[in-house]
C-alpha cells in the first residue's frame, strides 16, 4: 500500500474530491494548511537589488519582499494499493494542473503497517 499526499490550491478542492470519487477513491482526508513553494528569481535582478537597494515594481520584486508569506493550501491524503498509485496521482494532476507556479505538489510514501482501531487487527 502507498500513501499519496497532495498539496493543492484551495479553489481546486471540490473538483479534486469529485474526480477522486469518480476514479474510485471515495476515502481520503482533506485538511487546511499554510505553506509556500520556492519562487525562481533571475540572478541579474538579485544583483541589481543588492547593488542599488531598489526593488523592481514587478512580480519579481514582490517575491523578494514576501519571502515569509504563507499561502492557504489544502492537503489531501489517501491510501491506495500499489497498482492504484498512477491513477490517483494522474487524477490529482489532471484536475489541478494550470501550468502556473503554485499548482501543488504530490508525494508518494510506502505504508508499512495498518491497523483497525476497533479490533486491533493488522490489515496489511
PDB file of N, CA and C in Angstrom:
ATOM      1  N   UNK A   1       0.837  -1.178   0.000  1.00  0.00           N
ATOM      2  CA  UNK A   1       0.000   0.000   0.000  1.00  0.00           C
ATOM      3  C   UNK A   1       0.882   1.241   0.000  1.00  0.00           C
ATOM      4  N   UNK A   2       0.301   2.328  -0.488  1.00  0.00           N
ATOM      5  CA  UNK A   2       1.017   3.605  -0.574  1.00  0.00           C
ATOM      6  C   UNK A   2       0.137   4.730  -0.031  1.00  0.00           C
ATOM      7  N   UNK A   3       0.791   5.752   0.504  1.00  0.00           N
ATOM      8  CA  UNK A   3       0.115   6.976   0.898  1.00  0.00           C
ATOM      9  C   UNK A   3       0.406   8.024  -0.160  1.00  0.00           C
ATOM     10  N   UNK A   4      -0.636   8.615  -0.705  1.00  0.00           N
ATOM     11  CA  UNK A   4      -0.499   9.690  -1.682  1.00  0.00           C
ATOM     12  C   UNK A   4      -0.881  10.983  -0.966  1.00  0.00           C
ATOM     13  N   UNK A   5       0.068  11.909  -0.884  1.00  0.00           N
ATOM     14  CA  UNK A   5      -0.166  13.197  -0.229  1.00  0.00           C
ATOM     15  C   UNK A   5      -0.073  14.283  -1.286  1.00  0.00           C
ATOM     16  N   UNK A   6      -1.042  15.182  -1.292  1.00  0.00           N
ATOM     17  CA  UNK A   6      -1.058  16.239  -2.305  1.00  0.00           C
ATOM     18  C   UNK A   6      -1.392  17.577  -1.666  1.00  0.00           C
ATOM     19  N   UNK A   7      -0.574  18.574  -1.973  1.00  0.00           N
ATOM     20  CA  UNK A   7      -0.857  19.954  -1.597  1.00  0.00           C
ATOM     21  C   UNK A   7      -1.430  20.635  -2.831  1.00  0.00           C
ATOM     22  N   UNK A   8      -2.625  21.211  -2.704  1.00  0.00           N
ATOM     23  CA  UNK A   8      -3.286  21.807  -3.863  1.00  0.00           C
ATOM     24  C   UNK A   8      -3.848  23.190  -3.510  1.00  0.00           C
ATOM     25  N   UNK A   9      -4.295  23.911  -4.535  1.00  0.00           N
ATOM     26  CA  UNK A   9      -4.930  25.211  -4.346  1.00  0.00           C
ATOM     27  C   UNK A   9      -6.297  25.039  -3.682  1.00  0.00           C
ATOM     28  N   UNK A  10      -6.673  26.029  -2.885  1.00  0.00           N
ATOM     29  CA  UNK A  10      -7.953  25.990  -2.172  1.00  0.00           C
ATOM     30  C   UNK A  10      -9.135  25.881  -3.143  1.00  0.00           C
ATOM     31  N   UNK A  11      -9.070  26.602  -4.262  1.00  0.00           N
ATOM     32  CA  UNK A  11     -10.200  26.602  -5.198  1.00  0.00           C
ATOM     33  C   UNK A  11     -10.332  25.303  -5.992  1.00  0.00           C
ATOM     34  N   UNK A  12      -9.423  24.365  -5.795  1.00  0.00           N
ATOM     35  CA  UNK A  12      -9.482  23.089  -6.514  1.00  0.00           C
ATOM     36  C   UNK A  12      -9.969  21.931  -5.641  1.00  0.00           C
ATOM     37  N   UNK A  13     -10.396  22.234  -4.420  1.00  0.00           N
ATOM     38  CA  UNK A  13     -10.809  21.162  -3.507  1.00  0.00           C
ATOM     39  C   UNK A  13     -12.014  20.391  -4.037  1.00  0.00           C
ATOM     40  N   UNK A  14     -13.100  21.072  -4.367  1.00  0.00           N
ATOM     41  CA  UNK A  14     -14.301  20.359  -4.822  1.00  0.00           C
ATOM     42  C   UNK A  14     -14.082  19.589  -6.118  1.00  0.00           C
ATOM     43  N   UNK A  15     -13.435  20.178  -7.134  1.00  0.00           N
ATOM     44  CA  UNK A  15     -13.167  19.372  -8.337  1.00  0.00           C
ATOM     45  C   UNK A  15     -12.268  18.165  -8.056  1.00  0.00           C
ATOM     46  N   UNK A  16     -11.331  18.309  -7.121  1.00  0.00           N
ATOM     47  CA  UNK A  16     -10.445  17.189  -6.783  1.00  0.00           C
ATOM     48  C   UNK A  16     -11.225  16.089  -6.068  1.00  0.00           C
ATOM     49  N   UNK A  17     -12.092  16.469  -5.117  1.00  0.00           N
ATOM     50  CA  UNK A  17     -12.921  15.480  -4.425  1.00  0.00           C
ATOM     51  C   UNK A  17     -13.782  14.711  -5.419  1.00  0.00           C
ATOM     52  N   UNK A  18     -14.420  15.432  -6.332  1.00  0.00           N
ATOM     53  CA  UNK A  18     -15.289  14.796  -7.319  1.00  0.00           C
ATOM     54  C   UNK A  18     -14.507  13.840  -8.214  1.00  0.00           C
ATOM     55  N   UNK A  19     -13.353  14.300  -8.685  1.00  0.00           N
ATOM     56  CA  UNK A  19     -12.545  13.479  -9.587  1.00  0.00           C
ATOM     57  C   UNK A  19     -12.026  12.226  -8.886  1.00  0.00           C
ATOM     58  N   UNK A  20     -11.584  12.362  -7.635  1.00  0.00           N
ATOM     59  CA  UNK A  20     -11.101  11.186  -6.898  1.00  0.00           C
ATOM     60  C   UNK A  20     -12.228  10.180  -6.687  1.00  0.00           C
ATOM     61  N   UNK A  21     -13.412  10.663  -6.321  1.00  0.00           N
ATOM     62  CA  UNK A  21     -14.548   9.754  -6.113  1.00  0.00           C
ATOM     63  C   UNK A  21     -14.907   9.034  -7.406  1.00  0.00           C
ATOM     64  N   UNK A  22     -14.940   9.768  -8.527  1.00  0.00           N
ATOM     65  CA  UNK A  22     -15.271   9.154  -9.824  1.00  0.00           C
ATOM     66  C   UNK A  22     -14.211   8.147 -10.265  1.00  0.00           C
ATOM     67  N   UNK A  23     -12.947   8.374  -9.844  1.00  0.00           N
ATOM     68  CA  UNK A  23     -11.858   7.463 -10.214  1.00  0.00           C
ATOM     69  C   UNK A  23     -11.796   6.246  -9.294  1.00  0.00           C
ATOM     70  N   UNK A  24     -12.684   6.190  -8.278  1.00  0.00           N
ATOM     71  CA  UNK A  24     -12.720   5.030  -7.393  1.00  0.00           C
ATOM     72  C   UNK A  24     -11.988   5.231  -6.080  1.00  0.00           C
ATOM     73  N   UNK A  25     -11.765   6.487  -5.693  1.00  0.00           N
ATOM     74  CA  UNK A  25     -11.094   6.790  -4.425  1.00  0.00           C
ATOM     75  C   UNK A  25     -12.032   7.627  -3.542  1.00  0.00           C
ATOM     76  N   UNK A  26     -13.051   6.996  -2.943  1.00  0.00           N
ATOM     77  CA  UNK A  26     -14.005   7.762  -2.146  1.00  0.00           C
ATOM     78  C   UNK A  26     -13.483   8.117  -0.749  1.00  0.00           C
ATOM     79  N   UNK A  27     -12.434   7.445  -0.293  1.00  0.00           N
ATOM     80  CA  UNK A  27     -11.917   7.663   1.056  1.00  0.00           C
ATOM     81  C   UNK A  27     -10.620   8.456   1.015  1.00  0.00           C
ATOM     82  N   UNK A  28     -10.636   9.621   1.653  1.00  0.00           N
ATOM     83  CA  UNK A  28      -9.441  10.459   1.740  1.00  0.00           C
ATOM     84  C   UNK A  28      -9.633  11.468   2.844  1.00  0.00           C
ATOM     85  N   UNK A  29      -8.573  12.156   3.181  1.00  0.00           N
ATOM     86  CA  UNK A  29      -8.622  13.218   4.186  1.00  0.00           C
ATOM     87  C   UNK A  29      -8.192  14.503   3.497  1.00  0.00           C
ATOM     88  N   UNK A  30      -8.868  15.602   3.796  1.00  0.00           N
ATOM     89  CA  UNK A  30      -8.505  16.910   3.267  1.00  0.00           C
ATOM     90  C   UNK A  30      -8.435  17.878   4.441  1.00  0.00           C
ATOM     91  N   UNK A  31      -7.261  18.504   4.599  1.00  0.00           N
ATOM     92  CA  UNK A  31      -7.056  19.431   5.722  1.00  0.00           C
ATOM     93  C   UNK A  31      -6.590  20.784   5.204  1.00  0.00           C
ATOM     94  N   UNK A  32      -6.984  21.859   5.874  1.00  0.00           N
ATOM     95  CA  UNK A  32      -6.425  23.169   5.514  1.00  0.00           C
ATOM     96  C   UNK A  32      -4.990  23.265   6.018  1.00  0.00           C
ATOM     97  N   UNK A  33      -4.165  23.972   5.292  1.00  0.00           N
ATOM     98  CA  UNK A  33      -2.789  24.186   5.717  1.00  0.00           C
ATOM     99  C   UNK A  33      -2.287  25.493   5.120  1.00  0.00           C
ATOM    100  N   UNK A  34      -1.155  25.948   5.592  1.00  0.00           N
ATOM    101  CA  UNK A  34      -0.490  27.129   5.059  1.00  0.00           C
ATOM    102  C   UNK A  34       0.898  26.714   4.613  1.00  0.00           C
ATOM    103  N   UNK A  35       1.362  27.269   3.507  1.00  0.00           N
ATOM    104  CA  UNK A  35       2.699  26.923   3.035  1.00  0.00           C
ATOM    105  C   UNK A  35       3.078  27.746   1.831  1.00  0.00           C
ATOM    106  N   UNK A  36       4.250  27.436   1.318  1.00  0.00           N
ATOM    107  CA  UNK A  36       4.727  28.127   0.129  1.00  0.00           C
ATOM    108  C   UNK A  36       5.797  27.277  -0.522  1.00  0.00           C
ATOM    109  N   UNK A  37       5.921  27.443  -1.811  1.00  0.00           N
ATOM    110  CA  UNK A  37       6.997  26.813  -2.547  1.00  0.00           C
ATOM    111  C   UNK A  37       8.118  27.814  -2.704  1.00  0.00           C
ATOM    112  N   UNK A  38       9.058  27.476  -3.552  1.00  0.00           N
ATOM    113  CA  UNK A  38      10.138  28.424  -3.787  1.00  0.00           C
ATOM    114  C   UNK A  38       9.884  29.115  -5.111  1.00  0.00           C
ATOM    115  N   UNK A  39      10.153  30.403  -5.142  1.00  0.00           N
ATOM    116  CA  UNK A  39       9.990  31.162  -6.377  1.00  0.00           C
ATOM    117  C   UNK A  39      11.365  31.342  -7.008  1.00  0.00           C
ATOM    118  N   UNK A  40      11.434  31.200  -8.308  1.00  0.00           N
ATOM    119  CA  UNK A  40      12.694  31.401  -9.008  1.00  0.00           C
ATOM    120  C   UNK A  40      12.876  32.887  -9.286  1.00  0.00           C
ATOM    121  N   UNK A  41      14.031  33.396  -8.944  1.00  0.00           N
ATOM    122  CA  UNK A  41      14.339  34.798  -9.168  1.00  0.00           C
ATOM    123  C   UNK A  41      15.562  34.879 -10.072  1.00  0.00           C
ATOM    124  N   UNK A  42      15.489  35.723 -11.083  1.00  0.00           N
ATOM    125  CA  UNK A  42      16.588  35.935 -12.020  1.00  0.00           C
ATOM    126  C   UNK A  42      17.811  36.459 -11.261  1.00  0.00           C
ATOM    127  N   UNK A  43      18.969  35.827 -11.401  1.00  0.00           N
ATOM    128  CA  UNK A  43      20.181  36.291 -10.712  1.00  0.00           C
ATOM    129  C   UNK A  43      20.534  37.742 -11.026  1.00  0.00           C
ATOM    130  N   UNK A  44      20.221  38.201 -12.235  1.00  0.00           N
ATOM    131  CA  UNK A  44      20.504  39.597 -12.594  1.00  0.00           C
ATOM    132  C   UNK A  44      19.666  40.545 -11.741  1.00  0.00           C
ATOM    133  N   UNK A  45      18.433  40.180 -11.474  1.00  0.00           N
ATOM    134  CA  UNK A  45      17.573  41.004 -10.638  1.00  0.00           C
ATOM    135  C   UNK A  45      18.107  41.031  -9.211  1.00  0.00           C
ATOM    136  N   UNK A  46      18.552  39.876  -8.725  1.00  0.00           N
ATOM    137  CA  UNK A  46      19.125  39.838  -7.377  1.00  0.00           C
ATOM    138  C   UNK A  46      20.360  40.744  -7.273  1.00  0.00           C
ATOM    139  N   UNK A  47      21.231  40.704  -8.285  1.00  0.00           N
ATOM    140  CA  UNK A  47      22.420  41.573  -8.289  1.00  0.00           C
ATOM    141  C   UNK A  47      22.006  43.038  -8.256  1.00  0.00           C
ATOM    142  N   UNK A  48      21.021  43.397  -9.063  1.00  0.00           N
ATOM    143  CA  UNK A  48      20.532  44.778  -9.123  1.00  0.00           C
ATOM    144  C   UNK A  48      20.027  45.224  -7.750  1.00  0.00           C
ATOM    145  N   UNK A  49      19.242  44.360  -7.103  1.00  0.00           N
ATOM    146  CA  UNK A  49      18.699  44.698  -5.788  1.00  0.00           C
ATOM    147  C   UNK A  49      19.821  44.864  -4.780  1.00  0.00           C
ATOM    148  N   UNK A  50      20.792  43.966  -4.808  1.00  0.00           N
ATOM    149  CA  UNK A  50      21.909  44.037  -3.862  1.00  0.00           C
ATOM    150  C   UNK A  50      22.756  45.289  -4.092  1.00  0.00           C
ATOM    151  N   UNK A  51      22.961  45.666  -5.339  1.00  0.00           N
ATOM    152  CA  UNK A  51      23.807  46.820  -5.662  1.00  0.00           C
ATOM    153  C   UNK A  51      23.100  48.147  -5.409  1.00  0.00           C
ATOM    154  N   UNK A  52      21.821  48.243  -5.721  1.00  0.00           N
ATOM    155  CA  UNK A  52      21.125  49.528  -5.646  1.00  0.00           C
ATOM    156  C   UNK A  52      20.227  49.667  -4.425  1.00  0.00           C
ATOM    157  N   UNK A  53      19.783  48.548  -3.877  1.00  0.00           N
ATOM    158  CA  UNK A  53      18.848  48.607  -2.769  1.00  0.00           C
ATOM    159  C   UNK A  53      17.421  48.864  -3.215  1.00  0.00           C
ATOM    160  N   UNK A  54      17.202  49.024  -4.533  1.00  0.00           N
ATOM    161  CA  UNK A  54      15.861  49.270  -5.076  1.00  0.00           C
ATOM    162  C   UNK A  54      15.222  47.961  -5.507  1.00  0.00           C
ATOM    163  N   UNK A  55      13.933  47.836  -5.227  1.00  0.00           N
ATOM    164  CA  UNK A  55      13.188  46.677  -5.689  1.00  0.00           C
ATOM    165  C   UNK A  55      12.421  47.036  -6.939  1.00  0.00           C
ATOM    166  N   UNK A  56      12.506  46.218  -7.976  1.00  0.00           N
ATOM    167  CA  UNK A  56      11.717  46.497  -9.171  1.00  0.00           C
ATOM    168  C   UNK A  56      10.228  46.357  -8.879  1.00  0.00           C
ATOM    169  N   UNK A  57       9.421  47.170  -9.527  1.00  0.00           N
ATOM    170  CA  UNK A  57       7.969  47.076  -9.373  1.00  0.00           C
ATOM    171  C   UNK A  57       7.496  45.990 -10.341  1.00  0.00           C
ATOM    172  N   UNK A  58       7.405  44.777  -9.822  1.00  0.00           N
ATOM    173  CA  UNK A  58       7.022  43.630 -10.645  1.00  0.00           C
ATOM    174  C   UNK A  58       6.732  42.458  -9.726  1.00  0.00           C
ATOM    175  N   UNK A  59       6.347  41.333 -10.330  1.00  0.00           N
ATOM    176  CA  UNK A  59       6.149  40.113  -9.547  1.00  0.00           C
ATOM    177  C   UNK A  59       7.449  39.665  -8.899  1.00  0.00           C
ATOM    178  N   UNK A  60       8.570  39.930  -9.569  1.00  0.00           N
ATOM    179  CA  UNK A  60       9.865  39.550  -9.015  1.00  0.00           C
ATOM    180  C   UNK A  60      10.128  40.348  -7.749  1.00  0.00           C
ATOM    181  N   UNK A  61       9.882  41.660  -7.809  1.00  0.00           N
ATOM    182  CA  UNK A  61      10.052  42.488  -6.627  1.00  0.00           C
ATOM    183  C   UNK A  61       9.167  42.034  -5.487  1.00  0.00           C
ATOM    184  N   UNK A  62       7.947  41.662  -5.825  1.00  0.00           N
ATOM    185  CA  UNK A  62       7.020  41.182  -4.800  1.00  0.00           C
ATOM    186  C   UNK A  62       7.530  39.902  -4.170  1.00  0.00           C
ATOM    187  N   UNK A  63       8.069  38.992  -4.983  1.00  0.00           N
ATOM    188  CA  UNK A  63       8.551  37.721  -4.435  1.00  0.00           C
ATOM    189  C   UNK A  63       9.747  37.927  -3.516  1.00  0.00           C
ATOM    190  N   UNK A  64      10.545  38.966  -3.783  1.00  0.00           N
ATOM    191  CA  UNK A  64      11.690  39.232  -2.922  1.00  0.00           C
ATOM    192  C   UNK A  64      11.274  39.807  -1.585  1.00  0.00           C
ATOM    193  N   UNK A  65      10.177  40.536  -1.547  1.00  0.00           N
ATOM    194  CA  UNK A  65       9.749  41.170  -0.305  1.00  0.00           C
ATOM    195  C   UNK A  65       8.808  40.294   0.506  1.00  0.00           C
ATOM    196  N   UNK A  66       8.272  39.250  -0.076  1.00  0.00           N
ATOM    197  CA  UNK A  66       7.309  38.412   0.630  1.00  0.00           C
ATOM    198  C   UNK A  66       7.853  37.016   0.870  1.00  0.00           C
ATOM    199  N   UNK A  67       9.123  36.950   1.277  1.00  0.00           N
ATOM    200  CA  UNK A  67       9.771  35.657   1.470  1.00  0.00           C
ATOM    201  C   UNK A  67       9.155  34.794   2.547  1.00  0.00           C
ATOM    202  N   UNK A  68       8.497  35.394   3.542  1.00  0.00           N
ATOM    203  CA  UNK A  68       7.952  34.610   4.641  1.00  0.00           C
ATOM    204  C   UNK A  68       6.437  34.445   4.548  1.00  0.00           C
ATOM    205  N   UNK A  69       5.817  34.959   3.504  1.00  0.00           N
ATOM    206  CA  UNK A  69       4.360  34.883   3.377  1.00  0.00           C
ATOM    207  C   UNK A  69       3.919  33.442   3.148  1.00  0.00           C
ATOM    208  N   UNK A  70       2.944  33.001   3.927  1.00  0.00           N
ATOM    209  CA  UNK A  70       2.399  31.656   3.763  1.00  0.00           C
ATOM    210  C   UNK A  70       1.054  31.756   3.056  1.00  0.00           C
ATOM    211  N   UNK A  71       0.827  30.840   2.139  1.00  0.00           N
ATOM    212  CA  UNK A  71      -0.352  30.865   1.291  1.00  0.00           C
ATOM    213  C   UNK A  71      -1.295  29.733   1.713  1.00  0.00           C
ATOM    214  N   UNK A  72      -2.599  30.002   1.826  1.00  0.00           N
ATOM    215  CA  UNK A  72      -3.545  28.925   2.158  1.00  0.00           C
ATOM    216  C   UNK A  72      -3.543  27.856   1.065  1.00  0.00           C
ATOM    217  N   UNK A  73      -3.448  26.618   1.473  1.00  0.00           N
ATOM    218  CA  UNK A  73      -3.486  25.457   0.586  1.00  0.00           C
ATOM    219  C   UNK A  73      -4.377  24.403   1.227  1.00  0.00           C
ATOM    220  N   UNK A  74      -4.595  23.316   0.533  1.00  0.00           N
ATOM    221  CA  UNK A  74      -5.293  22.162   1.090  1.00  0.00           C
ATOM    222  C   UNK A  74      -4.393  20.950   0.922  1.00  0.00           C
ATOM    223  N   UNK A  75      -4.440  20.088   1.945  1.00  0.00           N
ATOM    224  CA  UNK A  75      -3.581  18.911   1.998  1.00  0.00           C
ATOM    225  C   UNK A  75      -4.459  17.660   1.945  1.00  0.00           C
ATOM    226  N   UNK A  76      -4.386  16.934   0.833  1.00  0.00           N
ATOM    227  CA  UNK A  76      -5.128  15.685   0.656  1.00  0.00           C
ATOM    228  C   UNK A  76      -4.224  14.508   1.003  1.00  0.00           C
ATOM    229  N   UNK A  77      -4.786  13.517   1.674  1.00  0.00           N
ATOM    230  CA  UNK A  77      -4.085  12.263   1.945  1.00  0.00           C
ATOM    231  C   UNK A  77      -5.019  11.123   1.591  1.00  0.00           C
ATOM    232  N   UNK A  78      -4.512  10.178   0.813  1.00  0.00           N
ATOM    233  CA  UNK A  78      -5.291   8.972   0.548  1.00  0.00           C
ATOM    234  C   UNK A  78      -4.362   7.773   0.525  1.00  0.00           C
ATOM    235  N   UNK A  79      -4.877   6.642   0.953  1.00  0.00           N
ATOM    236  CA  UNK A  79      -4.125   5.392   0.983  1.00  0.00           C
ATOM    237  C   UNK A  79      -4.664   4.514  -0.133  1.00  0.00           C
ATOM    238  N   UNK A  80      -3.738   4.026  -0.979  1.00  0.00           N
ATOM    239  CA  UNK A  80      -4.152   3.245  -2.145  1.00  0.00           C
ATOM    240  C   UNK A  80      -3.285   1.995  -2.274  1.00  0.00           C
ATOM    241  N   UNK A  81      -3.793   1.038  -3.007  1.00  0.00           N
ATOM    242  CA  UNK A  81      -2.994  -0.143  -3.340  1.00  0.00           C
ATOM    243  C   UNK A  81      -1.876   0.289  -4.288  1.00  0.00           C
ATOM    244  N   UNK A  82      -0.787  -0.452  -4.295  1.00  0.00           N
ATOM    245  CA  UNK A  82       0.381  -0.098  -5.121  1.00  0.00           C
ATOM    246  C   UNK A  82       0.010   0.121  -6.588  1.00  0.00           C
ATOM    247  N   UNK A  83      -0.861  -0.723  -7.113  1.00  0.00           N
ATOM    248  CA  UNK A  83      -1.209  -0.623  -8.530  1.00  0.00           C
ATOM    249  C   UNK A  83      -2.154   0.547  -8.831  1.00  0.00           C
ATOM    250  N   UNK A  84      -2.669   1.205  -7.806  1.00  0.00           N
ATOM    251  CA  UNK A  84      -3.574   2.340  -7.996  1.00  0.00           C
ATOM    252  C   UNK A  84      -2.873   3.695  -7.905  1.00  0.00           C
ATOM    253  N   UNK A  85      -1.581   3.706  -7.594  1.00  0.00           N
ATOM    254  CA  UNK A  85      -0.856   4.959  -7.384  1.00  0.00           C
ATOM    255  C   UNK A  85      -0.908   5.853  -8.617  1.00  0.00           C
ATOM    256  N   UNK A  86      -0.604   5.289  -9.777  1.00  0.00           N
ATOM    257  CA  UNK A  86      -0.583   6.105 -11.004  1.00  0.00           C
ATOM    258  C   UNK A  86      -1.940   6.740 -11.285  1.00  0.00           C
ATOM    259  N   UNK A  87      -3.013   5.980 -11.088  1.00  0.00           N
ATOM    260  CA  UNK A  87      -4.353   6.520 -11.325  1.00  0.00           C
ATOM    261  C   UNK A  87      -4.654   7.662 -10.356  1.00  0.00           C
ATOM    262  N   UNK A  88      -4.320   7.485  -9.081  1.00  0.00           N
ATOM    263  CA  UNK A  88      -4.577   8.533  -8.089  1.00  0.00           C
ATOM    264  C   UNK A  88      -3.768   9.792  -8.402  1.00  0.00           C
ATOM    265  N   UNK A  89      -2.493   9.623  -8.683  1.00  0.00           N
ATOM    266  CA  UNK A  89      -1.617  10.762  -8.981  1.00  0.00           C
ATOM    267  C   UNK A  89      -2.079  11.475 -10.249  1.00  0.00           C
ATOM    268  N   UNK A  90      -2.350  10.719 -11.294  1.00  0.00           N
ATOM    269  CA  UNK A  90      -2.788  11.329 -12.556  1.00  0.00           C
ATOM    270  C   UNK A  90      -4.139  12.036 -12.426  1.00  0.00           C
ATOM    271  N   UNK A  91      -5.020  11.504 -11.591  1.00  0.00           N
ATOM    272  CA  UNK A  91      -6.314  12.148 -11.355  1.00  0.00           C
ATOM    273  C   UNK A  91      -6.115  13.509 -10.691  1.00  0.00           C
ATOM    274  N   UNK A  92      -5.252  13.552  -9.686  1.00  0.00           N
ATOM    275  CA  UNK A  92      -4.975  14.811  -8.984  1.00  0.00           C
ATOM    276  C   UNK A  92      -4.316  15.819  -9.927  1.00  0.00           C
ATOM    277  N   UNK A  93      -3.353  15.363 -10.704  1.00  0.00           N
ATOM    278  CA  UNK A  93      -2.659  16.263 -11.640  1.00  0.00           C
ATOM    279  C   UNK A  93      -3.632  16.819 -12.672  1.00  0.00           C
ATOM    280  N   UNK A  94      -4.460  15.946 -13.238  1.00  0.00           N
ATOM    281  CA  UNK A  94      -5.397  16.370 -14.292  1.00  0.00           C
ATOM    282  C   UNK A  94      -6.305  17.510 -13.821  1.00  0.00           C
ATOM    283  N   UNK A  95      -6.767  17.438 -12.593  1.00  0.00           N
ATOM    284  CA  UNK A  95      -7.682  18.448 -12.065  1.00  0.00           C
ATOM    285  C   UNK A  95      -6.953  19.728 -11.668  1.00  0.00           C
ATOM    286  N   UNK A  96      -5.744  19.605 -11.163  1.00  0.00           N
ATOM    287  CA  UNK A  96      -5.062  20.739 -10.538  1.00  0.00           C
ATOM    288  C   UNK A  96      -4.029  21.434 -11.407  1.00  0.00           C
ATOM    289  N   UNK A  97      -3.672  20.867 -12.524  1.00  0.00           N
ATOM    290  CA  UNK A  97      -2.613  21.441 -13.354  1.00  0.00           C
ATOM    291  C   UNK A  97      -3.119  22.645 -14.158  1.00  0.00           C
ATOM    292  N   UNK A  98      -2.553  23.823 -13.849  1.00  0.00           N
ATOM    293  CA  UNK A  98      -2.890  25.030 -14.605  1.00  0.00           C
ATOM    294  C   UNK A  98      -1.700  25.519 -15.423  1.00  0.00           C
ATOM    295  N   UNK A  99      -0.518  24.988 -15.125  1.00  0.00           N
ATOM    296  CA  UNK A  99       0.690  25.439 -15.807  1.00  0.00           C
ATOM    297  C   UNK A  99       1.336  26.635 -15.135  1.00  0.00           C
ATOM    298  N   UNK A 100       0.797  27.057 -14.003  1.00  0.00           N
ATOM    299  CA  UNK A 100       1.326  28.207 -13.280  1.00  0.00           C
ATOM    300  C   UNK A 100       1.993  27.762 -11.984  1.00  0.00           C
ATOM    301  N   UNK A 101       2.964  28.544 -11.493  1.00  0.00           N
ATOM    302  CA  UNK A 101       3.549  28.228 -10.186  1.00  0.00           C
ATOM    303  C   UNK A 101       2.462  28.183  -9.129  1.00  0.00           C
ATOM    304  N   UNK A 102       2.587  27.244  -8.199  1.00  0.00           N
ATOM    305  CA  UNK A 102       1.596  27.126  -7.129  1.00  0.00           C
ATOM    306  C   UNK A 102       0.543  26.070  -7.379  1.00  0.00           C
ATOM    307  N   UNK A 103       0.680  25.303  -8.470  1.00  0.00           N
ATOM    308  CA  UNK A 103      -0.299  24.254  -8.761  1.00  0.00           C
ATOM    309  C   UNK A 103      -0.306  23.171  -7.683  1.00  0.00           C
ATOM    310  N   UNK A 104       0.791  22.970  -6.991  1.00  0.00           N
ATOM    311  CA  UNK A 104       0.828  21.990  -5.910  1.00  0.00           C
ATOM    312  C   UNK A 104       1.971  21.023  -6.037  1.00  0.00           C
ATOM    313  N   UNK A 105       1.950  20.050  -5.137  1.00  0.00           N
ATOM    314  CA  UNK A 105       2.997  19.039  -5.088  1.00  0.00           C
ATOM    315  C   UNK A 105       2.375  17.752  -4.585  1.00  0.00           C
ATOM    316  N   UNK A 106       2.838  16.613  -5.128  1.00  0.00           N
ATOM    317  CA  UNK A 106       2.330  15.297  -4.720  1.00  0.00           C
ATOM    318  C   UNK A 106       3.506  14.455  -4.250  1.00  0.00           C
ATOM    319  N   UNK A 107       3.317  13.768  -3.125  1.00  0.00           N
ATOM    320  CA  UNK A 107       4.324  12.859  -2.590  1.00  0.00           C
ATOM    321  C   UNK A 107       3.695  11.478  -2.447  1.00  0.00           C
ATOM    322  N   UNK A 108       4.478  10.448  -2.702  1.00  0.00           N
ATOM    323  CA  UNK A 108       4.012   9.071  -2.541  1.00  0.00           C
ATOM    324  C   UNK A 108       4.964   8.369  -1.581  1.00  0.00           C
ATOM    325  N   UNK A 109       4.387   7.779  -0.528  1.00  0.00           N
ATOM    326  CA  UNK A 109       5.183   7.110   0.508  1.00  0.00           C
ATOM    327  C   UNK A 109       4.685   5.689   0.719  1.00  0.00           C
ATOM    328  N   UNK A 110       5.579   4.785   1.109  1.00  0.00           N
ATOM    329  CA  UNK A 110       5.140   3.417   1.402  1.00  0.00           C
ATOM    330  C   UNK A 110       4.428   3.352   2.756  1.00  0.00           C
ATOM    331  N   UNK A 111       3.469   2.452   2.862  1.00  0.00           N
ATOM    332  CA  UNK A 111       2.783   2.171   4.127  1.00  0.00           C
ATOM    333  C   UNK A 111       3.291   0.808   4.598  1.00  0.00           C
ATOM    334  N   UNK A 112       3.889   0.786   5.774  1.00  0.00           N
ATOM    335  CA  UNK A 112       4.468  -0.469   6.275  1.00  0.00           C
ATOM    336  C   UNK A 112       3.456  -1.324   7.028  1.00  0.00           C
ATOM    337  N   UNK A 113       2.615  -0.684   7.832  1.00  0.00           N
ATOM    338  CA  UNK A 113       1.608  -1.426   8.587  1.00  0.00           C
ATOM    339  C   UNK A 113       0.360  -0.572   8.712  1.00  0.00           C
ATOM    340  N   UNK A 114      -0.771  -1.233   8.899  1.00  0.00           N
ATOM    341  CA  UNK A 114      -2.025  -0.527   9.144  1.00  0.00           C
ATOM    342  C   UNK A 114      -2.889  -1.408  10.055  1.00  0.00           C
ATOM    343  N   UNK A 115      -3.560  -0.748  11.006  1.00  0.00           N
ATOM    344  CA  UNK A 115      -4.363  -1.460  11.986  1.00  0.00           C
ATOM    345  C   UNK A 115      -5.758  -0.860  12.056  1.00  0.00           C
ATOM    346  N   UNK A 116      -6.746  -1.720  12.328  1.00  0.00           N
ATOM    347  CA  UNK A 116      -8.098  -1.247  12.627  1.00  0.00           C
ATOM    348  C   UNK A 116      -8.135  -0.880  14.101  1.00  0.00           C
ATOM    349  N   UNK A 117      -8.563   0.313  14.414  1.00  0.00           N
ATOM    350  CA  UNK A 117      -8.621   0.756  15.802  1.00  0.00           C
ATOM    351  C   UNK A 117      -9.644  -0.065  16.586  1.00  0.00           C
ATOM    352  N   UNK A 118     -10.809  -0.309  15.963  1.00  0.00           N
ATOM    353  CA  UNK A 118     -11.896  -1.027  16.651  1.00  0.00           C
ATOM    354  C   UNK A 118     -11.477  -2.411  17.119  1.00  0.00           C
ATOM    355  N   UNK A 119     -10.739  -3.155  16.253  1.00  0.00           N
ATOM    356  CA  UNK A 119     -10.410  -4.548  16.571  1.00  0.00           C
ATOM    357  C   UNK A 119      -8.943  -4.783  16.897  1.00  0.00           C
ATOM    358  N   UNK A 120      -8.100  -3.822  16.545  1.00  0.00           N
ATOM    359  CA  UNK A 120      -6.656  -4.012  16.737  1.00  0.00           C
ATOM    360  C   UNK A 120      -6.023  -4.901  15.674  1.00  0.00           C
ATOM    361  N   UNK A 121      -6.827  -5.307  14.707  1.00  0.00           N
ATOM    362  CA  UNK A 121      -6.384  -6.227  13.663  1.00  0.00           C
ATOM    363  C   UNK A 121      -5.414  -5.533  12.705  1.00  0.00           C
ATOM    364  N   UNK A 122      -4.310  -6.223  12.402  1.00  0.00           N
ATOM    365  CA  UNK A 122      -3.353  -5.754  11.404  1.00  0.00           C
ATOM    366  C   UNK A 122      -3.924  -6.139  10.038  1.00  0.00           C
ATOM    367  N   UNK A 123      -4.199  -5.165   9.189  1.00  0.00           N
ATOM    368  CA  UNK A 123      -4.904  -5.468   7.938  1.00  0.00           C
ATOM    369  C   UNK A 123      -4.010  -5.338   6.701  1.00  0.00           C
ATOM    370  N   UNK A 124      -2.730  -5.326   6.907  1.00  0.00           N
ATOM    371  CA  UNK A 124      -1.849  -5.264   5.726  1.00  0.00           C
ATOM    372  C   UNK A 124      -1.315  -6.622   5.410  1.00  0.00           C
TER     373      UNK A 124
END
